């Protein structure tokens, strides 16, 4: 079966114009209105409530399995899109050796092994922009794993590129 690219009137995804999901949706769904939500779960609810036509979720999202197994959603298509670099960033001029908190979205959790900075607590947030906002709120004792676009927008220093713009699979779900 050949995969045919659909045109969706509206697409639901996570965050704001700084998230990797928005970045990818904007490139893939050029003719679609992109509606942003605080979580993928809220975005899925809008699709199931038929307020939005389709849901756009990265394959790295740990809870994507719930959408795949949801009998009111079906995978309509998939796309592979290069996302912005994933980076370690913070407010300090130099990368700290020890820190109290590290903020990140659950998707890049595996990258914690590459941070090289000792931290006392990892704190998961809903999006990459939220990780940056939390770092700014806790400047004296925190860093973040985020995307390059977010780090630059929020004026954080980039200490290390953990992954250059990787190719990320995205899954597009529709309500049945």
Protein backbone atom coordinates (compact mmCIF):
# COMPACT_ATOMS: atom_id res chain seq x y z
CA UNK A 1 0.00 0.00 0.00
CA UNK A 2 1.47 3.33 -1.06
CA UNK A 3 1.48 6.11 1.52
CA UNK A 4 -0.23 9.21 0.08
CA UNK A 5 0.31 12.58 1.75
CA UNK A 6 -2.96 14.06 2.98
CA UNK A 7 -3.91 17.72 3.22
CA UNK A 8 -5.37 18.46 6.63
CA UNK A 9 -7.36 21.61 7.39
CA UNK A 10 -6.08 21.61 10.96
CA UNK A 11 -3.36 19.82 12.90
CA UNK A 12 -3.03 19.59 16.71
CA UNK A 13 0.37 19.28 18.38
CA UNK A 14 2.38 20.29 21.44
CA UNK A 15 3.55 23.67 22.62
CA UNK A 16 4.26 26.83 20.72
CA UNK A 17 6.29 27.89 17.69
CA UNK A 18 9.55 26.87 19.47
CA UNK A 19 8.77 23.17 19.95
CA UNK A 20 10.21 20.54 17.64
CA UNK A 21 6.65 19.40 16.95
CA UNK A 22 5.60 22.81 15.70
CA UNK A 23 8.82 23.12 13.69
CA UNK A 24 8.12 19.78 11.98
CA UNK A 25 4.37 20.35 11.53
CA UNK A 26 5.02 23.71 9.90
CA UNK A 27 7.35 22.10 7.37
CA UNK A 28 5.26 19.01 6.67
CA UNK A 29 1.71 20.36 6.90
CA UNK A 30 2.29 23.61 5.02
CA UNK A 31 -1.35 24.18 4.14
CA UNK A 32 -2.73 23.24 7.56
CA UNK A 33 -3.75 25.46 10.45
CA UNK A 34 -1.56 24.37 13.38
CA UNK A 35 -3.25 24.46 16.79
CA UNK A 36 -0.90 24.24 19.77
CA UNK A 37 -1.76 22.53 23.09
CA UNK A 38 -0.09 22.19 26.50
CA UNK A 39 0.21 18.42 26.03
CA UNK A 40 -0.18 15.81 23.32
CA UNK A 41 -3.03 14.37 25.37
CA UNK A 42 -4.95 17.66 25.18
CA UNK A 43 -4.25 17.78 21.44
CA UNK A 44 -5.58 14.22 21.06
CA UNK A 45 -8.75 15.15 22.95
CA UNK A 46 -9.38 18.02 20.51
CA UNK A 47 -9.06 15.56 17.62
CA UNK A 48 -11.36 13.02 19.30
CA UNK A 49 -13.86 15.84 19.99
CA UNK A 50 -13.61 16.67 16.26
CA UNK A 51 -12.47 20.24 16.93
CA UNK A 52 -9.23 19.56 15.01
CA UNK A 53 -8.78 17.21 12.06
CA UNK A 54 -5.47 15.50 12.89
CA UNK A 55 -2.93 14.92 15.68
CA UNK A 56 0.83 15.30 14.99
CA UNK A 57 3.10 13.41 17.45
CA UNK A 58 6.85 12.67 17.32
CA UNK A 59 7.85 9.03 17.50
CA UNK A 60 10.17 9.86 20.42
CA UNK A 61 7.23 10.82 22.63
CA UNK A 62 7.21 8.07 25.29
CA UNK A 63 3.40 7.93 25.56
CA UNK A 64 2.70 7.67 21.83
CA UNK A 65 1.68 4.07 22.54
CA UNK A 66 -1.53 5.34 24.15
CA UNK A 67 -2.55 7.04 20.91
CA UNK A 68 -1.62 3.98 18.85
CA UNK A 69 -3.77 1.75 21.09
CA UNK A 70 -6.68 4.22 21.32
CA UNK A 71 -9.55 2.67 19.35
CA UNK A 72 -10.96 6.12 18.54
CA UNK A 73 -7.74 7.19 16.76
CA UNK A 74 -6.06 5.71 13.70
CA UNK A 75 -2.67 6.37 12.13
CA UNK A 76 -3.33 8.20 8.88
CA UNK A 77 0.28 8.69 7.80
CA UNK A 78 3.85 9.13 8.98
CA UNK A 79 6.53 11.63 8.12
CA UNK A 80 10.25 11.90 8.77
CA UNK A 81 11.43 15.44 9.42
CA UNK A 82 14.76 16.81 10.62
CA UNK A 83 14.25 18.60 13.94
CA UNK A 84 16.46 21.34 15.43
CA UNK A 85 19.54 20.26 17.34
CA UNK A 86 18.98 19.00 20.89
CA UNK A 87 21.30 20.83 23.27
CA UNK A 88 22.37 21.19 26.87
CA UNK A 89 21.87 24.83 27.84
CA UNK A 90 21.71 27.12 30.82
CA UNK A 91 22.26 30.63 32.16
CA UNK A 92 25.93 30.24 33.11
CA UNK A 93 28.78 31.37 30.90
CA UNK A 94 30.53 28.00 31.30
CA UNK A 95 28.92 24.59 31.68
CA UNK A 96 28.68 23.84 35.41
CA UNK A 97 30.18 20.66 36.84
CA UNK A 98 27.44 20.30 39.47
CA UNK A 99 23.88 21.57 39.41
CA UNK A 100 20.75 21.05 41.48
CA UNK A 101 18.12 20.64 38.72
CA UNK A 102 17.96 19.66 35.09
CA UNK A 103 14.73 20.33 33.19
CA UNK A 104 13.68 18.41 30.08
CA UNK A 105 10.75 17.01 28.14
CA UNK A 106 10.48 13.20 28.55
CA UNK A 107 11.30 12.53 24.86
CA UNK A 108 15.09 13.15 25.13
CA UNK A 109 15.45 11.44 28.53
CA UNK A 110 18.03 9.03 27.10
CA UNK A 111 20.35 12.00 26.50
CA UNK A 112 20.79 12.48 30.27
CA UNK A 113 23.68 9.97 30.06
CA UNK A 114 25.59 12.45 27.89
CA UNK A 115 25.16 15.56 30.02
CA UNK A 116 28.47 15.22 31.96
CA UNK A 117 27.20 17.67 34.59
CA UNK A 118 26.24 16.14 37.92
CA UNK A 119 22.68 16.98 38.94
CA UNK A 120 20.58 16.23 42.02
CA UNK A 121 17.16 16.18 40.40
CA UNK A 122 15.76 15.71 36.90
CA UNK A 123 12.43 17.40 36.33
CA UNK A 124 10.20 16.58 33.38
CA UNK A 125 8.21 19.39 31.78
CA UNK A 126 5.61 19.46 28.98
CA UNK A 127 7.84 21.01 26.30
CA UNK A 128 11.27 22.33 25.37
CA UNK A 129 10.16 25.96 25.84
CA UNK A 130 8.90 25.06 29.34
CA UNK A 131 12.34 23.63 30.16
CA UNK A 132 13.92 26.97 29.25
CA UNK A 133 11.35 28.96 31.23
CA UNK A 134 12.04 26.80 34.29
CA UNK A 135 15.79 27.34 33.95
CA UNK A 136 15.23 31.09 33.88
CA UNK A 137 13.04 30.81 36.99
CA UNK A 138 15.76 28.79 38.79
CA UNK A 139 18.83 30.51 37.30
CA UNK A 140 21.16 29.91 40.21
CA UNK A 141 20.84 26.12 40.16
CA UNK A 142 19.54 24.64 36.90
CA UNK A 143 20.19 23.72 33.28
CA UNK A 144 18.05 22.17 30.54
CA UNK A 145 18.02 19.72 27.69
CA UNK A 146 16.10 21.56 25.00
CA UNK A 147 16.24 22.35 21.31
CA UNK A 148 18.59 24.88 19.79
CA UNK A 149 15.76 27.24 18.76
CA UNK A 150 14.43 27.42 22.33
CA UNK A 151 17.84 27.93 23.92
CA UNK A 152 18.63 30.83 21.58
CA UNK A 153 15.18 32.42 21.93
CA UNK A 154 15.43 32.42 25.74
CA UNK A 155 19.04 33.65 25.71
CA UNK A 156 20.55 30.54 27.27
CA UNK A 157 24.15 29.52 26.69
CA UNK A 158 24.59 26.29 24.77
CA UNK A 159 27.15 24.03 26.44
CA UNK A 160 26.91 20.97 24.26
CA UNK A 161 25.06 19.76 21.17
CA UNK A 162 23.69 16.42 22.30
CA UNK A 163 22.17 15.57 18.91
CA UNK A 164 22.54 17.63 15.75
CA UNK A 165 19.25 17.97 13.87
CA UNK A 166 18.22 14.32 13.82
CA UNK A 167 15.63 12.82 11.52
CA UNK A 168 12.54 12.25 13.64
CA UNK A 169 9.53 10.15 12.67
CA UNK A 170 6.17 11.84 13.26
CA UNK A 171 2.85 10.06 13.33
CA UNK A 172 -0.37 11.70 12.18
CA UNK A 173 -3.53 10.38 13.80
CA UNK A 174 -7.16 11.08 12.89
CA UNK A 175 -10.40 10.31 14.68
CA UNK A 176 -12.36 7.26 13.42
